[in-house]
Amino acid sequence: MVTLTIFGSGCAKCSQLAENAETAAKELGLDYELLKVTDRNAIVDAGIVRTPALMVGETLRVSGQVAGVDDIKKILA
């Protein structure tokens, strides 16, 4: 199972990144878990400087932008 974690305040960009990540995982047929972290202290503790951010497992893959579905599919493949 792949853990996809979205870090951000819950704003529109954060929601879009979460939706794109979920769509990419579904299109690839992955078994995944989507987590959303909105607590500022948890975001800082994770080393996130810019949101929205996407962490795949323990690796930060996207920070400060809304990656598209195709970009996230390349990350997950």
N, C-alpha and C. Protein backbone atom coordinates (compact mmCIF):
# COMPACT_ATOMS: atom_id res chain seq x y z
N MET A 1 0.84 -1.18 0.00
CA MET A 1 0.00 0.00 0.00
C MET A 1 0.88 1.24 0.00
N VAL A 2 0.52 2.19 -0.84
CA VAL A 2 1.25 3.45 -0.95
C VAL A 2 0.52 4.50 -0.10
N THR A 3 1.28 5.23 0.69
CA THR A 3 0.69 6.30 1.48
C THR A 3 0.97 7.62 0.80
N LEU A 4 -0.10 8.33 0.45
CA LEU A 4 0.00 9.66 -0.16
C LEU A 4 -0.45 10.66 0.90
N THR A 5 0.43 11.58 1.25
CA THR A 5 0.11 12.57 2.27
C THR A 5 0.12 13.95 1.66
N ILE A 6 -0.99 14.66 1.83
CA ILE A 6 -1.11 16.03 1.36
C ILE A 6 -0.92 16.95 2.56
N PHE A 7 -0.02 17.91 2.44
CA PHE A 7 0.22 18.89 3.50
C PHE A 7 -0.27 20.24 3.03
N GLY A 8 -1.05 20.90 3.86
CA GLY A 8 -1.53 22.24 3.53
C GLY A 8 -2.66 22.66 4.44
N SER A 9 -3.11 23.87 4.25
CA SER A 9 -4.12 24.46 5.13
C SER A 9 -5.54 23.98 4.84
N GLY A 10 -5.70 23.28 3.74
CA GLY A 10 -7.04 22.87 3.33
C GLY A 10 -7.63 23.80 2.29
N CYS A 11 -6.79 24.66 1.73
CA CYS A 11 -7.22 25.62 0.72
C CYS A 11 -7.58 24.92 -0.60
N ALA A 12 -8.03 25.69 -1.56
CA ALA A 12 -8.43 25.13 -2.85
C ALA A 12 -7.27 24.42 -3.54
N LYS A 13 -6.07 24.98 -3.46
CA LYS A 13 -4.91 24.35 -4.09
C LYS A 13 -4.57 23.02 -3.42
N CYS A 14 -4.70 22.98 -2.11
CA CYS A 14 -4.44 21.73 -1.38
C CYS A 14 -5.46 20.66 -1.77
N SER A 15 -6.71 21.07 -1.86
CA SER A 15 -7.77 20.14 -2.25
C SER A 15 -7.55 19.63 -3.67
N GLN A 16 -7.11 20.51 -4.57
CA GLN A 16 -6.86 20.11 -5.95
C GLN A 16 -5.71 19.12 -6.03
N LEU A 17 -4.65 19.35 -5.26
CA LEU A 17 -3.52 18.42 -5.25
C LEU A 17 -3.97 17.06 -4.72
N ALA A 18 -4.79 17.05 -3.69
CA ALA A 18 -5.31 15.79 -3.14
C ALA A 18 -6.14 15.06 -4.19
N GLU A 19 -7.00 15.79 -4.88
CA GLU A 19 -7.84 15.19 -5.92
C GLU A 19 -6.98 14.63 -7.05
N ASN A 20 -5.96 15.38 -7.46
CA ASN A 20 -5.07 14.92 -8.54
C ASN A 20 -4.30 13.67 -8.12
N ALA A 21 -3.84 13.64 -6.88
CA ALA A 21 -3.09 12.48 -6.39
C ALA A 21 -3.99 11.25 -6.34
N GLU A 22 -5.21 11.44 -5.88
CA GLU A 22 -6.15 10.32 -5.81
C GLU A 22 -6.50 9.80 -7.20
N THR A 23 -6.73 10.71 -8.13
CA THR A 23 -7.04 10.31 -9.51
C THR A 23 -5.88 9.54 -10.12
N ALA A 24 -4.65 10.03 -9.92
CA ALA A 24 -3.47 9.37 -10.47
C ALA A 24 -3.33 7.95 -9.90
N ALA A 25 -3.50 7.82 -8.59
CA ALA A 25 -3.37 6.50 -7.95
C ALA A 25 -4.43 5.54 -8.47
N LYS A 26 -5.66 6.03 -8.62
CA LYS A 26 -6.74 5.19 -9.13
C LYS A 26 -6.47 4.76 -10.57
N GLU A 27 -6.02 5.71 -11.39
CA GLU A 27 -5.76 5.38 -12.80
C GLU A 27 -4.64 4.37 -12.94
N LEU A 28 -3.69 4.37 -12.00
CA LEU A 28 -2.60 3.40 -12.03
C LEU A 28 -2.98 2.08 -11.35
N GLY A 29 -4.17 2.05 -10.75
CA GLY A 29 -4.62 0.84 -10.08
C GLY A 29 -3.87 0.53 -8.79
N LEU A 30 -3.38 1.57 -8.13
CA LEU A 30 -2.60 1.37 -6.91
C LEU A 30 -3.48 1.17 -5.69
N ASP A 31 -2.98 0.40 -4.77
CA ASP A 31 -3.59 0.28 -3.45
C ASP A 31 -2.97 1.42 -2.65
N TYR A 32 -3.77 2.40 -2.25
CA TYR A 32 -3.22 3.59 -1.61
C TYR A 32 -4.07 4.05 -0.44
N GLU A 33 -3.44 4.89 0.37
CA GLU A 33 -4.11 5.55 1.48
C GLU A 33 -3.80 7.03 1.31
N LEU A 34 -4.83 7.88 1.38
CA LEU A 34 -4.65 9.32 1.24
C LEU A 34 -4.85 9.98 2.60
N LEU A 35 -3.81 10.67 3.04
CA LEU A 35 -3.86 11.38 4.31
C LEU A 35 -3.77 12.88 4.05
N LYS A 36 -4.44 13.66 4.86
CA LYS A 36 -4.37 15.12 4.74
C LYS A 36 -3.90 15.69 6.07
N VAL A 37 -2.82 16.46 6.02
CA VAL A 37 -2.26 17.07 7.22
C VAL A 37 -2.45 18.57 7.11
N THR A 38 -3.24 19.14 8.03
CA THR A 38 -3.51 20.57 8.02
C THR A 38 -2.93 21.30 9.23
N ASP A 39 -2.46 20.55 10.21
CA ASP A 39 -1.89 21.16 11.41
C ASP A 39 -0.54 21.80 11.10
N ARG A 40 -0.42 23.09 11.38
CA ARG A 40 0.82 23.81 11.03
C ARG A 40 2.05 23.21 11.69
N ASN A 41 1.93 22.81 12.95
CA ASN A 41 3.09 22.22 13.64
C ASN A 41 3.51 20.91 13.00
N ALA A 42 2.55 20.10 12.59
CA ALA A 42 2.86 18.83 11.92
C ALA A 42 3.51 19.08 10.56
N ILE A 43 3.06 20.12 9.87
CA ILE A 43 3.64 20.46 8.57
C ILE A 43 5.10 20.87 8.75
N VAL A 44 5.36 21.72 9.73
CA VAL A 44 6.74 22.17 10.01
C VAL A 44 7.59 20.99 10.45
N ASP A 45 7.04 20.14 11.33
CA ASP A 45 7.78 18.97 11.81
C ASP A 45 8.16 18.02 10.68
N ALA A 46 7.35 17.99 9.62
CA ALA A 46 7.64 17.13 8.47
C ALA A 46 8.68 17.76 7.54
N GLY A 47 9.09 18.99 7.85
CA GLY A 47 10.10 19.66 7.04
C GLY A 47 9.54 20.35 5.81
N ILE A 48 8.23 20.55 5.77
CA ILE A 48 7.58 21.19 4.64
C ILE A 48 7.74 22.70 4.78
N VAL A 49 8.27 23.33 3.73
CA VAL A 49 8.47 24.78 3.74
C VAL A 49 7.35 25.47 2.97
N ARG A 50 6.94 24.87 1.86
CA ARG A 50 5.91 25.47 1.01
C ARG A 50 4.79 24.47 0.78
N THR A 51 3.57 24.96 0.89
CA THR A 51 2.40 24.11 0.63
C THR A 51 1.68 24.63 -0.60
N PRO A 52 0.88 23.83 -1.26
CA PRO A 52 0.60 22.44 -0.91
C PRO A 52 1.80 21.54 -1.20
N ALA A 53 1.83 20.43 -0.52
CA ALA A 53 2.93 19.49 -0.70
C ALA A 53 2.37 18.06 -0.73
N LEU A 54 3.09 17.21 -1.44
CA LEU A 54 2.72 15.79 -1.55
C LEU A 54 3.91 14.95 -1.14
N MET A 55 3.68 14.08 -0.17
CA MET A 55 4.69 13.13 0.24
C MET A 55 4.21 11.74 -0.15
N VAL A 56 5.08 10.98 -0.79
CA VAL A 56 4.77 9.60 -1.16
C VAL A 56 5.62 8.73 -0.24
N GLY A 57 4.94 8.00 0.62
CA GLY A 57 5.66 7.25 1.64
C GLY A 57 6.34 8.25 2.56
N GLU A 58 7.65 8.19 2.64
CA GLU A 58 8.42 9.12 3.48
C GLU A 58 9.18 10.15 2.65
N THR A 59 8.91 10.21 1.34
CA THR A 59 9.66 11.08 0.44
C THR A 59 8.80 12.24 -0.04
N LEU A 60 9.29 13.46 0.16
CA LEU A 60 8.61 14.65 -0.34
C LEU A 60 8.81 14.71 -1.85
N ARG A 61 7.71 14.72 -2.60
CA ARG A 61 7.80 14.70 -4.07
C ARG A 61 7.32 15.98 -4.72
N VAL A 62 6.42 16.73 -4.08
CA VAL A 62 5.89 17.97 -4.63
C VAL A 62 5.80 18.97 -3.49
N SER A 63 6.24 20.21 -3.75
CA SER A 63 6.15 21.24 -2.73
C SER A 63 5.92 22.59 -3.38
N GLY A 64 4.91 23.31 -2.88
CA GLY A 64 4.66 24.66 -3.34
C GLY A 64 3.94 24.77 -4.67
N GLN A 65 3.35 23.68 -5.13
CA GLN A 65 2.64 23.72 -6.41
C GLN A 65 1.58 22.63 -6.47
N VAL A 66 0.68 22.79 -7.40
CA VAL A 66 -0.35 21.78 -7.64
C VAL A 66 0.10 20.97 -8.85
N ALA A 67 0.62 19.79 -8.60
CA ALA A 67 1.05 18.91 -9.69
C ALA A 67 -0.18 18.32 -10.36
N GLY A 68 -0.09 18.18 -11.67
CA GLY A 68 -1.19 17.60 -12.43
C GLY A 68 -1.23 16.09 -12.30
N VAL A 69 -2.32 15.51 -12.74
CA VAL A 69 -2.51 14.05 -12.66
C VAL A 69 -1.38 13.33 -13.38
N ASP A 70 -1.03 13.77 -14.59
CA ASP A 70 0.02 13.08 -15.36
C ASP A 70 1.37 13.17 -14.65
N ASP A 71 1.66 14.33 -14.04
CA ASP A 71 2.92 14.48 -13.31
C ASP A 71 2.97 13.54 -12.11
N ILE A 72 1.87 13.42 -11.41
CA ILE A 72 1.82 12.54 -10.24
C ILE A 72 1.90 11.08 -10.67
N LYS A 73 1.30 10.75 -11.79
CA LYS A 73 1.41 9.37 -12.30
C LYS A 73 2.85 9.02 -12.58
N LYS A 74 3.62 9.96 -13.11
CA LYS A 74 5.05 9.70 -13.36
C LYS A 74 5.79 9.47 -12.05
N ILE A 75 5.43 10.20 -11.01
CA ILE A 75 6.05 10.03 -9.71
C ILE A 75 5.72 8.66 -9.14
N LEU A 76 4.49 8.22 -9.29
CA LEU A 76 4.02 6.97 -8.70
C LEU A 76 4.40 5.73 -9.49
N ALA A 77 4.67 5.90 -10.77
CA ALA A 77 4.95 4.74 -11.63
C ALA A 77 6.32 4.13 -11.35
